[in-house]
Amino acid sequence: MPHADLKYSADLNIDPLALLKRIESIIQSQDATSGDCKGCAYPTALFHHTHLLIEVSMLPKVHRDADFVRQLRDALEIGVKAEINAPCAFSLALKFSDEGYVTNMHTPAPSGRMA
């Protein structure tokens, strides 16, 4: 399950939910096994220069090789930029988690206590 974070200057007029959905769609089009893409958006009122930083994290898998990385990176850049109607500094980081990362679903016990 990939994860995408948008970090951007608050003066940038974007629809963060639409961008997160676009990112998920692009990832799924490049890797049908990826599943849903969790996402968060972090606008900040304190910034220096108008910018957008996108960080996408994924688990490493055999088919996610150097060619996959280039193709996904390029598709994400083109797809996201198509949604932005204002000039800004643009950064995109595609990262792969290491063995210290865990991702799964948490379901609390009925009593509200952890099982």
PDB file of N, CA and C in Angstrom:
ATOM      1  N   MET A   1       0.842  -1.161   0.000  1.00  0.00           N
ATOM      2  CA  MET A   1       0.000   0.000   0.000  1.00  0.00           C
ATOM      3  C   MET A   1       0.898   1.239   0.000  1.00  0.00           C
ATOM      4  N   PRO A   2       1.005   1.928  -1.120  1.00  0.00           N
ATOM      5  CA  PRO A   2       1.845   3.131  -1.196  1.00  0.00           C
ATOM      6  C   PRO A   2       1.305   4.251  -0.310  1.00  0.00           C
ATOM      7  N   HIS A   3       2.135   5.243  -0.094  1.00  0.00           N
ATOM      8  CA  HIS A   3       1.762   6.420   0.683  1.00  0.00           C
ATOM      9  C   HIS A   3       2.291   7.657  -0.035  1.00  0.00           C
ATOM     10  N   ALA A   4       1.443   8.677  -0.145  1.00  0.00           N
ATOM     11  CA  ALA A   4       1.855   9.929  -0.789  1.00  0.00           C
ATOM     12  C   ALA A   4       1.626  11.090   0.170  1.00  0.00           C
ATOM     13  N   ASP A   5       2.627  11.946   0.302  1.00  0.00           N
ATOM     14  CA  ASP A   5       2.516  13.172   1.085  1.00  0.00           C
ATOM     15  C   ASP A   5       2.709  14.358   0.160  1.00  0.00           C
ATOM     16  N   LEU A   6       1.816  15.327   0.291  1.00  0.00           N
ATOM     17  CA  LEU A   6       1.950  16.595  -0.421  1.00  0.00           C
ATOM     18  C   LEU A   6       2.350  17.638   0.611  1.00  0.00           C
ATOM     19  N   LYS A   7       3.444  18.311   0.376  1.00  0.00           N
ATOM     20  CA  LYS A   7       3.887  19.406   1.235  1.00  0.00           C
ATOM     21  C   LYS A   7       4.003  20.623   0.330  1.00  0.00           C
ATOM     22  N   TYR A   8       3.280  21.693   0.683  1.00  0.00           N
ATOM     23  CA  TYR A   8       3.246  22.810  -0.250  1.00  0.00           C
ATOM     24  C   TYR A   8       2.984  24.134   0.448  1.00  0.00           C
ATOM     25  N   SER A   9       3.392  25.199  -0.218  1.00  0.00           N
ATOM     26  CA  SER A   9       3.148  26.542   0.292  1.00  0.00           C
ATOM     27  C   SER A   9       1.668  26.863   0.145  1.00  0.00           C
ATOM     28  N   ALA A  10       1.114  27.489   1.176  1.00  0.00           N
ATOM     29  CA  ALA A  10      -0.333  27.719   1.229  1.00  0.00           C
ATOM     30  C   ALA A  10      -0.823  28.679   0.153  1.00  0.00           C
ATOM     31  N   ASP A  11       0.076  29.415  -0.488  1.00  0.00           N
ATOM     32  CA  ASP A  11      -0.354  30.322  -1.554  1.00  0.00           C
ATOM     33  C   ASP A  11      -0.598  29.600  -2.876  1.00  0.00           C
ATOM     34  N   LEU A  12      -0.258  28.318  -2.927  1.00  0.00           N
ATOM     35  CA  LEU A  12      -0.436  27.537  -4.149  1.00  0.00           C
ATOM     36  C   LEU A  12      -1.877  27.051  -4.222  1.00  0.00           C
ATOM     37  N   ASN A  13      -2.593  27.475  -5.231  1.00  0.00           N
ATOM     38  CA  ASN A  13      -4.006  27.138  -5.381  1.00  0.00           C
ATOM     39  C   ASN A  13      -4.135  25.768  -6.058  1.00  0.00           C
ATOM     40  N   ILE A  14      -4.176  24.729  -5.218  1.00  0.00           N
ATOM     41  CA  ILE A  14      -4.317  23.356  -5.721  1.00  0.00           C
ATOM     42  C   ILE A  14      -5.462  22.680  -4.980  1.00  0.00           C
ATOM     43  N   ASP A  15      -5.944  21.597  -5.561  1.00  0.00           N
ATOM     44  CA  ASP A  15      -6.937  20.756  -4.908  1.00  0.00           C
ATOM     45  C   ASP A  15      -6.185  19.515  -4.415  1.00  0.00           C
ATOM     46  N   PRO A  16      -5.770  19.487  -3.145  1.00  0.00           N
ATOM     47  CA  PRO A  16      -4.933  18.379  -2.676  1.00  0.00           C
ATOM     48  C   PRO A  16      -5.613  17.019  -2.763  1.00  0.00           C
ATOM     49  N   LEU A  17      -6.913  16.953  -2.527  1.00  0.00           N
ATOM     50  CA  LEU A  17      -7.609  15.668  -2.622  1.00  0.00           C
ATOM     51  C   LEU A  17      -7.595  15.159  -4.064  1.00  0.00           C
ATOM     52  N   ALA A  18      -7.804  16.049  -5.021  1.00  0.00           N
ATOM     53  CA  ALA A  18      -7.748  15.650  -6.435  1.00  0.00           C
ATOM     54  C   ALA A  18      -6.338  15.177  -6.798  1.00  0.00           C
ATOM     55  N   LEU A  19      -5.312  15.847  -6.275  1.00  0.00           N
ATOM     56  CA  LEU A  19      -3.937  15.422  -6.554  1.00  0.00           C
ATOM     57  C   LEU A  19      -3.657  14.050  -5.960  1.00  0.00           C
ATOM     58  N   LEU A  20      -4.113  13.816  -4.726  1.00  0.00           N
ATOM     59  CA  LEU A  20      -3.894  12.512  -4.102  1.00  0.00           C
ATOM     60  C   LEU A  20      -4.612  11.406  -4.878  1.00  0.00           C
ATOM     61  N   LYS A  21      -5.804  11.680  -5.341  1.00  0.00           N
ATOM     62  CA  LYS A  21      -6.533  10.693  -6.158  1.00  0.00           C
ATOM     63  C   LYS A  21      -5.810  10.456  -7.481  1.00  0.00           C
ATOM     64  N   ARG A  22      -5.282  11.523  -8.081  1.00  0.00           N
ATOM     65  CA  ARG A  22      -4.546  11.392  -9.347  1.00  0.00           C
ATOM     66  C   ARG A  22      -3.292  10.553  -9.142  1.00  0.00           C
ATOM     67  N   ILE A  23      -2.586  10.809  -8.049  1.00  0.00           N
ATOM     68  CA  ILE A  23      -1.377  10.035  -7.748  1.00  0.00           C
ATOM     69  C   ILE A  23      -1.724   8.558  -7.592  1.00  0.00           C
ATOM     70  N   GLU A  24      -2.780   8.259  -6.844  1.00  0.00           N
ATOM     71  CA  GLU A  24      -3.209   6.872  -6.666  1.00  0.00           C
ATOM     72  C   GLU A  24      -3.525   6.220  -8.016  1.00  0.00           C
ATOM     73  N   SER A  25      -4.250   6.930  -8.854  1.00  0.00           N
ATOM     74  CA  SER A  25      -4.628   6.402 -10.165  1.00  0.00           C
ATOM     75  C   SER A  25      -3.398   6.117 -11.023  1.00  0.00           C
ATOM     76  N   ILE A  26      -2.436   7.008 -11.000  1.00  0.00           N
ATOM     77  CA  ILE A  26      -1.215   6.823 -11.796  1.00  0.00           C
ATOM     78  C   ILE A  26      -0.427   5.622 -11.285  1.00  0.00           C
ATOM     79  N   ILE A  27      -0.282   5.521  -9.965  1.00  0.00           N
ATOM     80  CA  ILE A  27       0.445   4.374  -9.400  1.00  0.00           C
ATOM     81  C   ILE A  27      -0.243   3.075  -9.803  1.00  0.00           C
ATOM     82  N   GLN A  28      -1.568   3.026  -9.678  1.00  0.00           N
ATOM     83  CA  GLN A  28      -2.295   1.809 -10.031  1.00  0.00           C
ATOM     84  C   GLN A  28      -2.198   1.495 -11.520  1.00  0.00           C
ATOM     85  N   SER A  29      -2.101   2.517 -12.359  1.00  0.00           N
ATOM     86  CA  SER A  29      -1.956   2.264 -13.803  1.00  0.00           C
ATOM     87  C   SER A  29      -0.580   1.704 -14.150  1.00  0.00           C
ATOM     88  N   GLN A  30       0.414   1.999 -13.331  1.00  0.00           N
ATOM     89  CA  GLN A  30       1.771   1.501 -13.560  1.00  0.00           C
ATOM     90  C   GLN A  30       2.038   0.177 -12.846  1.00  0.00           C
ATOM     91  N   ASP A  31       1.251  -0.084 -11.782  1.00  0.00           N
ATOM     92  CA  ASP A  31       1.445  -1.294 -10.985  1.00  0.00           C
ATOM     93  C   ASP A  31       0.097  -1.733 -10.417  1.00  0.00           C
ATOM     94  N   ALA A  32      -0.551  -2.647 -11.095  1.00  0.00           N
ATOM     95  CA  ALA A  32      -1.893  -3.097 -10.705  1.00  0.00           C
ATOM     96  C   ALA A  32      -1.902  -3.793  -9.347  1.00  0.00           C
ATOM     97  N   THR A  33      -0.749  -4.199  -8.843  1.00  0.00           N
ATOM     98  CA  THR A  33      -0.674  -4.875  -7.546  1.00  0.00           C
ATOM     99  C   THR A  33      -0.505  -3.895  -6.389  1.00  0.00           C
ATOM    100  N   SER A  34      -0.442  -2.614  -6.670  1.00  0.00           N
ATOM    101  CA  SER A  34      -0.094  -1.627  -5.633  1.00  0.00           C
ATOM    102  C   SER A  34      -1.165  -1.415  -4.576  1.00  0.00           C
ATOM    103  N   GLY A  35      -2.423  -1.596  -4.917  1.00  0.00           N
ATOM    104  CA  GLY A  35      -3.503  -1.348  -3.961  1.00  0.00           C
ATOM    105  C   GLY A  35      -3.767   0.134  -3.782  1.00  0.00           C
ATOM    106  N   ASP A  36      -4.507   0.456  -2.726  1.00  0.00           N
ATOM    107  CA  ASP A  36      -4.834   1.851  -2.445  1.00  0.00           C
ATOM    108  C   ASP A  36      -3.575   2.618  -2.062  1.00  0.00           C
ATOM    109  N   CYS A  37      -3.599   3.916  -2.297  1.00  0.00           N
ATOM    110  CA  CYS A  37      -2.485   4.787  -1.911  1.00  0.00           C
ATOM    111  C   CYS A  37      -2.980   5.728  -0.816  1.00  0.00           C
ATOM    112  N   LYS A  38      -2.475   5.536   0.398  1.00  0.00           N
ATOM    113  CA  LYS A  38      -2.798   6.443   1.494  1.00  0.00           C
ATOM    114  C   LYS A  38      -2.187   7.800   1.151  1.00  0.00           C
ATOM    115  N   GLY A  39      -2.799   8.869   1.630  1.00  0.00           N
ATOM    116  CA  GLY A  39      -2.239  10.173   1.316  1.00  0.00           C
ATOM    117  C   GLY A  39      -2.583  11.227   2.343  1.00  0.00           C
ATOM    118  N   CYS A  40      -1.690  12.190   2.465  1.00  0.00           N
ATOM    119  CA  CYS A  40      -1.878  13.340   3.356  1.00  0.00           C
ATOM    120  C   CYS A  40      -1.403  14.592   2.633  1.00  0.00           C
ATOM    121  N   ALA A  41      -2.020  15.717   2.990  1.00  0.00           N
ATOM    122  CA  ALA A  41      -1.628  17.003   2.417  1.00  0.00           C
ATOM    123  C   ALA A  41      -1.275  17.957   3.545  1.00  0.00           C
ATOM    124  N   TYR A  42      -0.160  18.646   3.382  1.00  0.00           N
ATOM    125  CA  TYR A  42       0.346  19.550   4.408  1.00  0.00           C
ATOM    126  C   TYR A  42       0.631  20.924   3.812  1.00  0.00           C
ATOM    127  N   PRO A  43      -0.372  21.796   3.785  1.00  0.00           N
ATOM    128  CA  PRO A  43      -0.085  23.168   3.360  1.00  0.00           C
ATOM    129  C   PRO A  43       0.589  23.914   4.515  1.00  0.00           C
ATOM    130  N   THR A  44       1.466  24.827   4.197  1.00  0.00           N
ATOM    131  CA  THR A  44       2.105  25.610   5.245  1.00  0.00           C
ATOM    132  C   THR A  44       2.040  27.099   4.919  1.00  0.00           C
ATOM    133  N   ALA A  45       1.723  27.871   5.932  1.00  0.00           N
ATOM    134  CA  ALA A  45       1.674  29.328   5.777  1.00  0.00           C
ATOM    135  C   ALA A  45       3.065  29.932   5.901  1.00  0.00           C
ATOM    136  N   LEU A  46       4.006  29.190   6.459  1.00  0.00           N
ATOM    137  CA  LEU A  46       5.386  29.652   6.593  1.00  0.00           C
ATOM    138  C   LEU A  46       6.225  28.992   5.514  1.00  0.00           C
ATOM    139  N   PHE A  47       6.648  29.765   4.543  1.00  0.00           N
ATOM    140  CA  PHE A  47       7.415  29.191   3.439  1.00  0.00           C
ATOM    141  C   PHE A  47       8.278  30.263   2.791  1.00  0.00           C
ATOM    142  N   HIS A  48       9.217  29.811   2.011  1.00  0.00           N
ATOM    143  CA  HIS A  48      10.087  30.668   1.227  1.00  0.00           C
ATOM    144  C   HIS A  48      10.003  30.174  -0.216  1.00  0.00           C
ATOM    145  N   HIS A  49       9.346  30.900  -1.050  1.00  0.00           N
ATOM    146  CA  HIS A  49       9.091  30.583  -2.450  1.00  0.00           C
ATOM    147  C   HIS A  49       7.929  29.584  -2.587  1.00  0.00           C
ATOM    148  N   THR A  50       7.094  29.816  -3.552  1.00  0.00           N
ATOM    149  CA  THR A  50       5.948  28.952  -3.824  1.00  0.00           C
ATOM    150  C   THR A  50       6.453  27.600  -4.312  1.00  0.00           C
ATOM    151  N   HIS A  51       5.986  26.530  -3.690  1.00  0.00           N
ATOM    152  CA  HIS A  51       6.511  25.210  -4.054  1.00  0.00           C
ATOM    153  C   HIS A  51       5.522  24.092  -3.727  1.00  0.00           C
ATOM    154  N   LEU A  52       5.786  22.941  -4.323  1.00  0.00           N
ATOM    155  CA  LEU A  52       5.081  21.694  -4.040  1.00  0.00           C
ATOM    156  C   LEU A  52       6.121  20.583  -3.988  1.00  0.00           C
ATOM    157  N   LEU A  53       6.118  19.844  -2.881  1.00  0.00           N
ATOM    158  CA  LEU A  53       6.975  18.668  -2.733  1.00  0.00           C
ATOM    159  C   LEU A  53       6.061  17.468  -2.579  1.00  0.00           C
ATOM    160  N   ILE A  54       6.246  16.476  -3.430  1.00  0.00           N
ATOM    161  CA  ILE A  54       5.483  15.232  -3.362  1.00  0.00           C
ATOM    162  C   ILE A  54       6.455  14.122  -2.991  1.00  0.00           C
ATOM    163  N   GLU A  55       6.110  13.395  -1.926  1.00  0.00           N
ATOM    164  CA  GLU A  55       6.906  12.248  -1.512  1.00  0.00           C
ATOM    165  C   GLU A  55       6.018  11.011  -1.580  1.00  0.00           C
ATOM    166  N   VAL A  56       6.432  10.052  -2.387  1.00  0.00           N
ATOM    167  CA  VAL A  56       5.694   8.803  -2.545  1.00  0.00           C
ATOM    168  C   VAL A  56       6.578   7.680  -2.023  1.00  0.00           C
ATOM    169  N   SER A  57       6.036   6.915  -1.074  1.00  0.00           N
ATOM    170  CA  SER A  57       6.761   5.784  -0.492  1.00  0.00           C
ATOM    171  C   SER A  57       6.070   4.486  -0.890  1.00  0.00           C
ATOM    172  N   MET A  58       6.897   3.503  -1.243  1.00  0.00           N
ATOM    173  CA  MET A  58       6.378   2.191  -1.636  1.00  0.00           C
ATOM    174  C   MET A  58       7.271   1.112  -1.042  1.00  0.00           C
ATOM    175  N   LEU A  59       6.728  -0.086  -0.958  1.00  0.00           N
ATOM    176  CA  LEU A  59       7.544  -1.225  -0.551  1.00  0.00           C
ATOM    177  C   LEU A  59       8.351  -1.708  -1.751  1.00  0.00           C
ATOM    178  N   PRO A  60       9.582  -2.141  -1.528  1.00  0.00           N
ATOM    179  CA  PRO A  60      10.362  -2.683  -2.640  1.00  0.00           C
ATOM    180  C   PRO A  60       9.812  -4.052  -3.060  1.00  0.00           C
ATOM    181  N   LYS A  61       9.743  -4.261  -4.353  1.00  0.00           N
ATOM    182  CA  LYS A  61       9.312  -5.550  -4.895  1.00  0.00           C
ATOM    183  C   LYS A  61      10.158  -5.816  -6.132  1.00  0.00           C
ATOM    184  N   VAL A  62      10.263  -7.057  -6.509  1.00  0.00           N
ATOM    185  CA  VAL A  62      11.138  -7.451  -7.616  1.00  0.00           C
ATOM    186  C   VAL A  62      10.816  -6.679  -8.892  1.00  0.00           C
ATOM    187  N   HIS A  63       9.531  -6.490  -9.192  1.00  0.00           N
ATOM    188  CA  HIS A  63       9.159  -5.837 -10.446  1.00  0.00           C
ATOM    189  C   HIS A  63       9.331  -4.314 -10.386  1.00  0.00           C
ATOM    190  N   ARG A  64       9.602  -3.764  -9.227  1.00  0.00           N
ATOM    191  CA  ARG A  64       9.809  -2.321  -9.090  1.00  0.00           C
ATOM    192  C   ARG A  64      11.296  -2.015  -9.237  1.00  0.00           C
ATOM    193  N   ASP A  65      11.764  -2.231 -10.445  1.00  0.00           N
ATOM    194  CA  ASP A  65      13.169  -2.042 -10.767  1.00  0.00           C
ATOM    195  C   ASP A  65      13.429  -0.623 -11.272  1.00  0.00           C
ATOM    196  N   ALA A  66      14.630  -0.376 -11.771  1.00  0.00           N
ATOM    197  CA  ALA A  66      15.012   0.961 -12.228  1.00  0.00           C
ATOM    198  C   ALA A  66      14.106   1.467 -13.350  1.00  0.00           C
ATOM    199  N   ASP A  67      13.719   0.598 -14.276  1.00  0.00           N
ATOM    200  CA  ASP A  67      12.804   1.014 -15.349  1.00  0.00           C
ATOM    201  C   ASP A  67      11.436   1.410 -14.778  1.00  0.00           C
ATOM    202  N   PHE A  68      10.941   0.628 -13.837  1.00  0.00           N
ATOM    203  CA  PHE A  68       9.673   0.945 -13.193  1.00  0.00           C
ATOM    204  C   PHE A  68       9.747   2.308 -12.515  1.00  0.00           C
ATOM    205  N   VAL A  69      10.826   2.553 -11.798  1.00  0.00           N
ATOM    206  CA  VAL A  69      10.993   3.823 -11.085  1.00  0.00           C
ATOM    207  C   VAL A  69      10.963   4.992 -12.067  1.00  0.00           C
ATOM    208  N   ARG A  70      11.700   4.890 -13.147  1.00  0.00           N
ATOM    209  CA  ARG A  70      11.726   5.976 -14.155  1.00  0.00           C
ATOM    210  C   ARG A  70      10.345   6.198 -14.758  1.00  0.00           C
ATOM    211  N   GLN A  71       9.680   5.125 -15.120  1.00  0.00           N
ATOM    212  CA  GLN A  71       8.358   5.249 -15.741  1.00  0.00           C
ATOM    213  C   GLN A  71       7.332   5.831 -14.777  1.00  0.00           C
ATOM    214  N   LEU A  72       7.341   5.371 -13.537  1.00  0.00           N
ATOM    215  CA  LEU A  72       6.397   5.885 -12.558  1.00  0.00           C
ATOM    216  C   LEU A  72       6.704   7.337 -12.227  1.00  0.00           C
ATOM    217  N   ARG A  73       7.969   7.647 -12.021  1.00  0.00           N
ATOM    218  CA  ARG A  73       8.362   9.031 -11.724  1.00  0.00           C
ATOM    219  C   ARG A  73       7.909   9.972 -12.825  1.00  0.00           C
ATOM    220  N   ASP A  74       8.167   9.600 -14.067  1.00  0.00           N
ATOM    221  CA  ASP A  74       7.787  10.451 -15.196  1.00  0.00           C
ATOM    222  C   ASP A  74       6.274  10.588 -15.319  1.00  0.00           C
ATOM    223  N   ALA A  75       5.557   9.480 -15.135  1.00  0.00           N
ATOM    224  CA  ALA A  75       4.089   9.524 -15.218  1.00  0.00           C
ATOM    225  C   ALA A  75       3.508  10.387 -14.100  1.00  0.00           C
ATOM    226  N   LEU A  76       4.074  10.284 -12.889  1.00  0.00           N
ATOM    227  CA  LEU A  76       3.606  11.114 -11.782  1.00  0.00           C
ATOM    228  C   LEU A  76       3.874  12.589 -12.050  1.00  0.00           C
ATOM    229  N   GLU A  77       5.052  12.906 -12.537  1.00  0.00           N
ATOM    230  CA  GLU A  77       5.374  14.310 -12.816  1.00  0.00           C
ATOM    231  C   GLU A  77       4.420  14.899 -13.858  1.00  0.00           C
ATOM    232  N   ILE A  78       4.225  14.203 -14.940  1.00  0.00           N
ATOM    233  CA  ILE A  78       3.335  14.690 -16.004  1.00  0.00           C
ATOM    234  C   ILE A  78       1.898  14.799 -15.494  1.00  0.00           C
ATOM    235  N   GLY A  79       1.420  13.771 -14.801  1.00  0.00           N
ATOM    236  CA  GLY A  79       0.042  13.749 -14.333  1.00  0.00           C
ATOM    237  C   GLY A  79      -0.256  14.798 -13.286  1.00  0.00           C
ATOM    238  N   VAL A  80       0.657  14.990 -12.353  1.00  0.00           N
ATOM    239  CA  VAL A  80       0.438  15.984 -11.306  1.00  0.00           C
ATOM    240  C   VAL A  80       0.539  17.394 -11.872  1.00  0.00           C
ATOM    241  N   LYS A  81       1.543  17.643 -12.693  1.00  0.00           N
ATOM    242  CA  LYS A  81       1.697  18.987 -13.264  1.00  0.00           C
ATOM    243  C   LYS A  81       0.478  19.380 -14.104  1.00  0.00           C
ATOM    244  N   ALA A  82      -0.201  18.411 -14.689  1.00  0.00           N
ATOM    245  CA  ALA A  82      -1.402  18.714 -15.473  1.00  0.00           C
ATOM    246  C   ALA A  82      -2.522  19.268 -14.591  1.00  0.00           C
ATOM    247  N   GLU A  83      -2.448  19.032 -13.288  1.00  0.00           N
ATOM    248  CA  GLU A  83      -3.465  19.493 -12.337  1.00  0.00           C
ATOM    249  C   GLU A  83      -3.117  20.847 -11.712  1.00  0.00           C
ATOM    250  N   ILE A  84      -1.915  21.352 -11.961  1.00  0.00           N
ATOM    251  CA  ILE A  84      -1.464  22.594 -11.318  1.00  0.00           C
ATOM    252  C   ILE A  84      -1.535  23.730 -12.327  1.00  0.00           C
ATOM    253  N   ASN A  85      -2.258  24.790 -11.974  1.00  0.00           N
ATOM    254  CA  ASN A  85      -2.470  25.910 -12.893  1.00  0.00           C
ATOM    255  C   ASN A  85      -1.711  27.165 -12.494  1.00  0.00           C
ATOM    256  N   ALA A  86      -0.659  27.025 -11.704  1.00  0.00           N
ATOM    257  CA  ALA A  86       0.122  28.179 -11.277  1.00  0.00           C
ATOM    258  C   ALA A  86       1.599  27.805 -11.279  1.00  0.00           C
ATOM    259  N   PRO A  87       2.466  28.784 -11.514  1.00  0.00           N
ATOM    260  CA  PRO A  87       3.901  28.483 -11.461  1.00  0.00           C
ATOM    261  C   PRO A  87       4.331  28.172 -10.026  1.00  0.00           C
ATOM    262  N   CYS A  88       5.224  27.220  -9.895  1.00  0.00           N
ATOM    263  CA  CYS A  88       5.755  26.870  -8.575  1.00  0.00           C
ATOM    264  C   CYS A  88       7.004  26.015  -8.757  1.00  0.00           C
ATOM    265  N   ALA A  89       7.826  25.985  -7.714  1.00  0.00           N
ATOM    266  CA  ALA A  89       8.921  25.026  -7.685  1.00  0.00           C
ATOM    267  C   ALA A  89       8.287  23.653  -7.443  1.00  0.00           C
ATOM    268  N   PHE A  90       8.748  22.651  -8.179  1.00  0.00           N
ATOM    269  CA  PHE A  90       8.148  21.323  -8.130  1.00  0.00           C
ATOM    270  C   PHE A  90       9.223  20.302  -7.788  1.00  0.00           C
ATOM    271  N   SER A  91       8.940  19.476  -6.777  1.00  0.00           N
ATOM    272  CA  SER A  91       9.855  18.393  -6.409  1.00  0.00           C
ATOM    273  C   SER A  91       9.046  17.123  -6.201  1.00  0.00           C
ATOM    274  N   LEU A  92       9.617  16.010  -6.636  1.00  0.00           N
ATOM    275  CA  LEU A  92       8.969  14.712  -6.513  1.00  0.00           C
ATOM    276  C   LEU A  92      10.004  13.698  -6.057  1.00  0.00           C
ATOM    277  N   ALA A  93       9.705  12.993  -4.973  1.00  0.00           N
ATOM    278  CA  ALA A  93      10.605  11.961  -4.464  1.00  0.00           C
ATOM    279  C   ALA A  93       9.853  10.634  -4.424  1.00  0.00           C
ATOM    280  N   LEU A  94      10.374   9.659  -5.114  1.00  0.00           N
ATOM    281  CA  LEU A  94       9.831   8.306  -5.099  1.00  0.00           C
ATOM    282  C   LEU A  94      10.793   7.470  -4.265  1.00  0.00           C
ATOM    283  N   LYS A  95      10.295   6.994  -3.118  1.00  0.00           N
ATOM    284  CA  LYS A  95      11.150   6.305  -2.159  1.00  0.00           C
ATOM    285  C   LYS A  95      10.648   4.888  -1.906  1.00  0.00           C
ATOM    286  N   PHE A  96      11.581   4.032  -1.524  1.00  0.00           N
ATOM    287  CA  PHE A  96      11.231   2.665  -1.178  1.00  0.00           C
ATOM    288  C   PHE A  96      11.597   2.398   0.272  1.00  0.00           C
ATOM    289  N   SER A  97      10.667   1.820   1.006  1.00  0.00           N
ATOM    290  CA  SER A  97      10.857   1.546   2.425  1.00  0.00           C
ATOM    291  C   SER A  97      11.861   0.417   2.613  1.00  0.00           C
ATOM    292  N   ASP A  98      12.511   0.420   3.773  1.00  0.00           N
ATOM    293  CA  ASP A  98      13.455  -0.654   4.072  1.00  0.00           C
ATOM    294  C   ASP A  98      12.814  -1.659   5.032  1.00  0.00           C
ATOM    295  N   GLU A  99      13.613  -2.606   5.511  1.00  0.00           N
ATOM    296  CA  GLU A  99      13.079  -3.677   6.353  1.00  0.00           C
ATOM    297  C   GLU A  99      12.613  -3.177   7.723  1.00  0.00           C
ATOM    298  N   GLY A 100      12.900  -1.941   8.068  1.00  0.00           N
ATOM    299  CA  GLY A 100      12.447  -1.383   9.331  1.00  0.00           C
ATOM    300  C   GLY A 100      11.038  -0.808   9.274  1.00  0.00           C
ATOM    301  N   TYR A 101      10.408  -0.869   8.126  1.00  0.00           N
ATOM    302  CA  TYR A 101       9.085  -0.285   7.927  1.00  0.00           C
ATOM    303  C   TYR A 101       8.015  -1.363   8.034  1.00  0.00           C
ATOM    304  N   VAL A 102       6.926  -1.049   8.707  1.00  0.00           N
ATOM    305  CA  VAL A 102       5.795  -1.972   8.779  1.00  0.00           C
ATOM    306  C   VAL A 102       4.557  -1.232   8.284  1.00  0.00           C
ATOM    307  N   THR A 103       3.740  -1.923   7.531  1.00  0.00           N
ATOM    308  CA  THR A 103       2.467  -1.363   7.095  1.00  0.00           C
ATOM    309  C   THR A 103       1.425  -2.465   7.139  1.00  0.00           C
ATOM    310  N   ASN A 104       0.295  -2.156   7.737  1.00  0.00           N
ATOM    311  CA  ASN A 104      -0.794  -3.111   7.836  1.00  0.00           C
ATOM    312  C   ASN A 104      -2.034  -2.365   8.290  1.00  0.00           C
ATOM    313  N   MET A 105      -3.078  -3.073   8.612  1.00  0.00           N
ATOM    314  CA  MET A 105      -4.311  -2.458   9.097  1.00  0.00           C
ATOM    315  C   MET A 105      -4.446  -2.733  10.585  1.00  0.00           C
ATOM    316  N   HIS A 106      -4.925  -1.750  11.314  1.00  0.00           N
ATOM    317  CA  HIS A 106      -5.186  -1.901  12.746  1.00  0.00           C
ATOM    318  C   HIS A 106      -6.688  -1.907  12.971  1.00  0.00           C
ATOM    319  N   THR A 107      -7.176  -2.897  13.675  1.00  0.00           N
ATOM    320  CA  THR A 107      -8.587  -2.975  14.046  1.00  0.00           C
ATOM    321  C   THR A 107      -8.642  -3.111  15.562  1.00  0.00           C
ATOM    322  N   PRO A 108      -9.170  -2.088  16.247  1.00  0.00           N
ATOM    323  CA  PRO A 108      -9.225  -2.168  17.719  1.00  0.00           C
ATOM    324  C   PRO A 108     -10.148  -3.285  18.175  1.00  0.00           C
ATOM    325  N   ALA A 109      -9.810  -3.818  19.327  1.00  0.00           N
ATOM    326  CA  ALA A 109     -10.673  -4.834  19.950  1.00  0.00           C
ATOM    327  C   ALA A 109     -11.995  -4.175  20.328  1.00  0.00           C
ATOM    328  N   PRO A 110     -13.088  -4.930  20.372  1.00  0.00           N
ATOM    329  CA  PRO A 110     -14.409  -4.358  20.695  1.00  0.00           C
ATOM    330  C   PRO A 110     -14.442  -3.552  21.980  1.00  0.00           C
ATOM    331  N   SER A 111     -13.645  -3.905  22.960  1.00  0.00           N
ATOM    332  CA  SER A 111     -13.650  -3.196  24.239  1.00  0.00           C
ATOM    333  C   SER A 111     -12.947  -1.844  24.131  1.00  0.00           C
ATOM    334  N   GLY A 112     -12.315  -1.596  22.989  1.00  0.00           N
ATOM    335  CA  GLY A 112     -11.538  -0.373  22.829  1.00  0.00           C
ATOM    336  C   GLY A 112     -10.091  -0.553  23.217  1.00  0.00           C
ATOM    337  N   ARG A 113      -9.775  -1.722  23.778  1.00  0.00           N
ATOM    338  CA  ARG A 113      -8.389  -2.018  24.154  1.00  0.00           C
ATOM    339  C   ARG A 113      -7.718  -2.763  23.020  1.00  0.00           C
ATOM    340  N   MET A 114      -6.442  -2.574  22.915  1.00  0.00           N
ATOM    341  CA  MET A 114      -5.710  -3.264  21.855  1.00  0.00           C
ATOM    342  C   MET A 114      -5.667  -4.750  22.135  1.00  0.00           C
ATOM    343  N   ALA A 115      -5.783  -5.530  21.081  1.00  0.00           N
ATOM    344  CA  ALA A 115      -5.752  -6.999  21.224  1.00  0.00           C
ATOM    345  C   ALA A 115      -4.335  -7.487  21.248  1.00  0.00           C
TER     346      ALA A 115
END
